[in-house]
Amino acid sequence: MTRRGASAGQGGFALLIVLWTLAGLSLLVSIVIATADSGLRGVYALRSAAQLQDAADGEVWDAVFHVMDRSAAR
């Protein structure tokens, strides 16, 4: 009977270790996800800025083309 009581106590300790390990891993995963989310937001902002810059450059070159156009349609 003493043997059975000792193993039950160790089972409770093992469960405690497993639960703390799961809590630590879930905290680590949440930190990784939060970091990835903020990184993706930065990438989306840079992509949007690059698209706007390219659109503005295209409009400038389109205006230059129309100013320099000497065809009879003008």
N, C-alpha and C. Protein backbone atom coordinates (compact mmCIF):
# COMPACT_ATOMS: atom_id res chain seq x y z
N MET A 1 0.81 -1.18 0.00
CA MET A 1 0.00 0.00 0.00
C MET A 1 0.87 1.26 0.00
N THR A 2 2.01 1.17 0.61
CA THR A 2 2.90 2.33 0.62
C THR A 2 3.43 2.61 -0.79
N ARG A 3 3.66 1.55 -1.51
CA ARG A 3 4.17 1.69 -2.86
C ARG A 3 3.18 2.44 -3.75
N ARG A 4 1.93 2.11 -3.63
CA ARG A 4 0.90 2.74 -4.46
C ARG A 4 0.75 4.23 -4.11
N GLY A 5 0.83 4.58 -2.87
CA GLY A 5 0.72 5.98 -2.45
C GLY A 5 1.88 6.81 -2.97
N ALA A 6 3.07 6.24 -3.02
CA ALA A 6 4.24 6.98 -3.50
C ALA A 6 4.14 7.25 -4.99
N SER A 7 3.65 6.29 -5.76
CA SER A 7 3.55 6.51 -7.21
C SER A 7 2.45 7.50 -7.54
N ALA A 8 1.40 7.55 -6.74
CA ALA A 8 0.33 8.53 -6.98
C ALA A 8 0.85 9.94 -6.77
N GLY A 9 1.70 10.14 -5.79
CA GLY A 9 2.29 11.46 -5.56
C GLY A 9 3.21 11.87 -6.69
N GLN A 10 3.96 10.93 -7.23
CA GLN A 10 4.84 11.23 -8.35
C GLN A 10 4.05 11.52 -9.61
N GLY A 11 2.91 10.86 -9.77
CA GLY A 11 2.06 11.14 -10.93
C GLY A 11 1.52 12.56 -10.89
N GLY A 12 1.20 13.03 -9.70
CA GLY A 12 0.74 14.41 -9.57
C GLY A 12 1.84 15.40 -9.90
N PHE A 13 3.07 15.08 -9.49
CA PHE A 13 4.21 15.95 -9.79
C PHE A 13 4.50 15.96 -11.29
N ALA A 14 4.40 14.79 -11.93
CA ALA A 14 4.62 14.72 -13.37
C ALA A 14 3.56 15.53 -14.12
N LEU A 15 2.33 15.46 -13.65
CA LEU A 15 1.26 16.25 -14.26
C LEU A 15 1.54 17.74 -14.11
N LEU A 16 2.04 18.14 -12.97
CA LEU A 16 2.38 19.54 -12.74
C LEU A 16 3.48 19.99 -13.69
N ILE A 17 4.49 19.16 -13.88
CA ILE A 17 5.58 19.49 -14.81
C ILE A 17 5.04 19.61 -16.24
N VAL A 18 4.18 18.69 -16.64
CA VAL A 18 3.61 18.73 -17.99
C VAL A 18 2.78 19.99 -18.18
N LEU A 19 1.98 20.35 -17.19
CA LEU A 19 1.15 21.55 -17.31
C LEU A 19 2.00 22.82 -17.39
N TRP A 20 3.06 22.90 -16.59
CA TRP A 20 3.95 24.06 -16.66
C TRP A 20 4.67 24.11 -18.01
N THR A 21 5.04 22.96 -18.53
CA THR A 21 5.69 22.92 -19.84
C THR A 21 4.73 23.40 -20.93
N LEU A 22 3.49 22.95 -20.88
CA LEU A 22 2.50 23.41 -21.86
C LEU A 22 2.23 24.90 -21.74
N ALA A 23 2.19 25.41 -20.52
CA ALA A 23 1.99 26.85 -20.32
C ALA A 23 3.16 27.64 -20.90
N GLY A 24 4.37 27.16 -20.67
CA GLY A 24 5.55 27.83 -21.23
C GLY A 24 5.58 27.80 -22.74
N LEU A 25 5.24 26.66 -23.32
CA LEU A 25 5.21 26.55 -24.77
C LEU A 25 4.12 27.42 -25.39
N SER A 26 2.97 27.49 -24.74
CA SER A 26 1.91 28.35 -25.28
C SER A 26 2.30 29.82 -25.20
N LEU A 27 3.00 30.21 -24.16
CA LEU A 27 3.51 31.58 -24.06
C LEU A 27 4.52 31.86 -25.17
N LEU A 28 5.40 30.92 -25.41
CA LEU A 28 6.39 31.07 -26.47
C LEU A 28 5.73 31.18 -27.84
N VAL A 29 4.74 30.36 -28.10
CA VAL A 29 4.03 30.41 -29.38
C VAL A 29 3.31 31.74 -29.55
N SER A 30 2.70 32.23 -28.49
CA SER A 30 1.99 33.52 -28.60
C SER A 30 2.96 34.66 -28.87
N ILE A 31 4.15 34.61 -28.31
CA ILE A 31 5.16 35.63 -28.58
C ILE A 31 5.61 35.56 -30.03
N VAL A 32 5.83 34.37 -30.54
CA VAL A 32 6.24 34.21 -31.94
C VAL A 32 5.16 34.71 -32.88
N ILE A 33 3.91 34.41 -32.59
CA ILE A 33 2.80 34.85 -33.44
C ILE A 33 2.68 36.37 -33.41
N ALA A 34 2.82 36.98 -32.24
CA ALA A 34 2.73 38.44 -32.13
C ALA A 34 3.87 39.11 -32.89
N THR A 35 5.07 38.54 -32.82
CA THR A 35 6.20 39.10 -33.55
C THR A 35 6.00 38.96 -35.05
N ALA A 36 5.51 37.83 -35.49
CA ALA A 36 5.26 37.63 -36.92
C ALA A 36 4.17 38.58 -37.41
N ASP A 37 3.15 38.81 -36.60
CA ASP A 37 2.07 39.71 -36.99
C ASP A 37 2.59 41.13 -37.17
N SER A 38 3.41 41.60 -36.24
CA SER A 38 3.94 42.96 -36.37
C SER A 38 4.89 43.05 -37.56
N GLY A 39 5.64 42.00 -37.82
CA GLY A 39 6.51 41.99 -39.00
C GLY A 39 5.72 42.03 -40.29
N LEU A 40 4.63 41.28 -40.34
CA LEU A 40 3.79 41.30 -41.54
C LEU A 40 3.14 42.65 -41.76
N ARG A 41 2.75 43.30 -40.68
CA ARG A 41 2.16 44.65 -40.82
C ARG A 41 3.18 45.61 -41.41
N GLY A 42 4.43 45.50 -41.00
CA GLY A 42 5.49 46.34 -41.57
C GLY A 42 5.71 46.06 -43.04
N VAL A 43 5.69 44.79 -43.41
CA VAL A 43 5.87 44.42 -44.81
C VAL A 43 4.72 44.94 -45.66
N TYR A 44 3.49 44.82 -45.15
CA TYR A 44 2.33 45.33 -45.90
C TYR A 44 2.41 46.84 -46.07
N ALA A 45 2.88 47.55 -45.05
CA ALA A 45 3.02 49.00 -45.15
C ALA A 45 4.08 49.38 -46.18
N LEU A 46 5.20 48.67 -46.18
CA LEU A 46 6.25 48.94 -47.17
C LEU A 46 5.78 48.63 -48.58
N ARG A 47 5.03 47.55 -48.72
CA ARG A 47 4.51 47.18 -50.04
C ARG A 47 3.54 48.24 -50.55
N SER A 48 2.68 48.71 -49.69
CA SER A 48 1.71 49.74 -50.08
C SER A 48 2.43 51.03 -50.46
N ALA A 49 3.45 51.40 -49.70
CA ALA A 49 4.21 52.61 -50.02
C ALA A 49 4.92 52.47 -51.36
N ALA A 50 5.46 51.30 -51.64
CA ALA A 50 6.14 51.08 -52.92
C ALA A 50 5.15 51.13 -54.08
N GLN A 51 3.96 50.58 -53.89
CA GLN A 51 2.95 50.63 -54.95
C GLN A 51 2.51 52.07 -55.22
N LEU A 52 2.32 52.85 -54.16
CA LEU A 52 1.94 54.25 -54.34
C LEU A 52 3.05 55.04 -55.03
N GLN A 53 4.29 54.76 -54.66
CA GLN A 53 5.42 55.45 -55.29
C GLN A 53 5.50 55.10 -56.77
N ASP A 54 5.32 53.84 -57.12
CA ASP A 54 5.34 53.44 -58.53
C ASP A 54 4.20 54.06 -59.31
N ALA A 55 3.02 54.15 -58.70
CA ALA A 55 1.89 54.78 -59.38
C ALA A 55 2.16 56.26 -59.61
N ALA A 56 2.75 56.93 -58.64
CA ALA A 56 3.07 58.35 -58.79
C ALA A 56 4.13 58.54 -59.88
N ASP A 57 5.14 57.70 -59.89
CA ASP A 57 6.17 57.80 -60.93
C ASP A 57 5.57 57.57 -62.31
N GLY A 58 4.67 56.62 -62.41
CA GLY A 58 4.02 56.35 -63.70
C GLY A 58 3.21 57.53 -64.18
N GLU A 59 2.51 58.19 -63.28
CA GLU A 59 1.72 59.37 -63.67
C GLU A 59 2.62 60.51 -64.11
N VAL A 60 3.75 60.68 -63.45
CA VAL A 60 4.69 61.74 -63.85
C VAL A 60 5.21 61.47 -65.25
N TRP A 61 5.61 60.23 -65.53
CA TRP A 61 6.13 59.92 -66.85
C TRP A 61 5.03 60.01 -67.91
N ASP A 62 3.81 59.69 -67.55
CA ASP A 62 2.69 59.84 -68.48
C ASP A 62 2.48 61.31 -68.81
N ALA A 63 2.56 62.17 -67.82
CA ALA A 63 2.41 63.61 -68.06
C ALA A 63 3.54 64.14 -68.93
N VAL A 64 4.76 63.69 -68.68
CA VAL A 64 5.90 64.12 -69.50
C VAL A 64 5.71 63.67 -70.94
N PHE A 65 5.23 62.45 -71.12
CA PHE A 65 4.99 61.95 -72.48
C PHE A 65 3.96 62.81 -73.20
N HIS A 66 2.87 63.18 -72.52
CA HIS A 66 1.83 63.99 -73.16
C HIS A 66 2.31 65.41 -73.43
N VAL A 67 3.16 65.95 -72.59
CA VAL A 67 3.69 67.29 -72.83
C VAL A 67 4.62 67.29 -74.04
N MET A 68 5.40 66.25 -74.18
CA MET A 68 6.37 66.19 -75.28
C MET A 68 5.78 65.63 -76.57
N ASP A 69 4.54 65.21 -76.54
CA ASP A 69 3.89 64.64 -77.72
C ASP A 69 3.63 65.74 -78.74
N ARG A 70 4.13 65.59 -79.95
CA ARG A 70 3.97 66.60 -81.00
C ARG A 70 3.15 66.05 -82.16
N SER A 71 2.32 65.09 -81.89
CA SER A 71 1.52 64.52 -82.97
C SER A 71 0.39 65.47 -83.34
N ALA A 72 -0.29 65.19 -84.44
CA ALA A 72 -1.34 66.07 -84.95
C ALA A 72 -2.61 65.97 -84.11
N ALA A 73 -2.73 65.00 -83.25
CA ALA A 73 -3.93 64.83 -82.44
C ALA A 73 -4.10 65.95 -81.42
N ARG A 74 -3.05 66.66 -81.12
CA ARG A 74 -3.13 67.76 -80.15
C ARG A 74 -3.71 68.91 -80.79
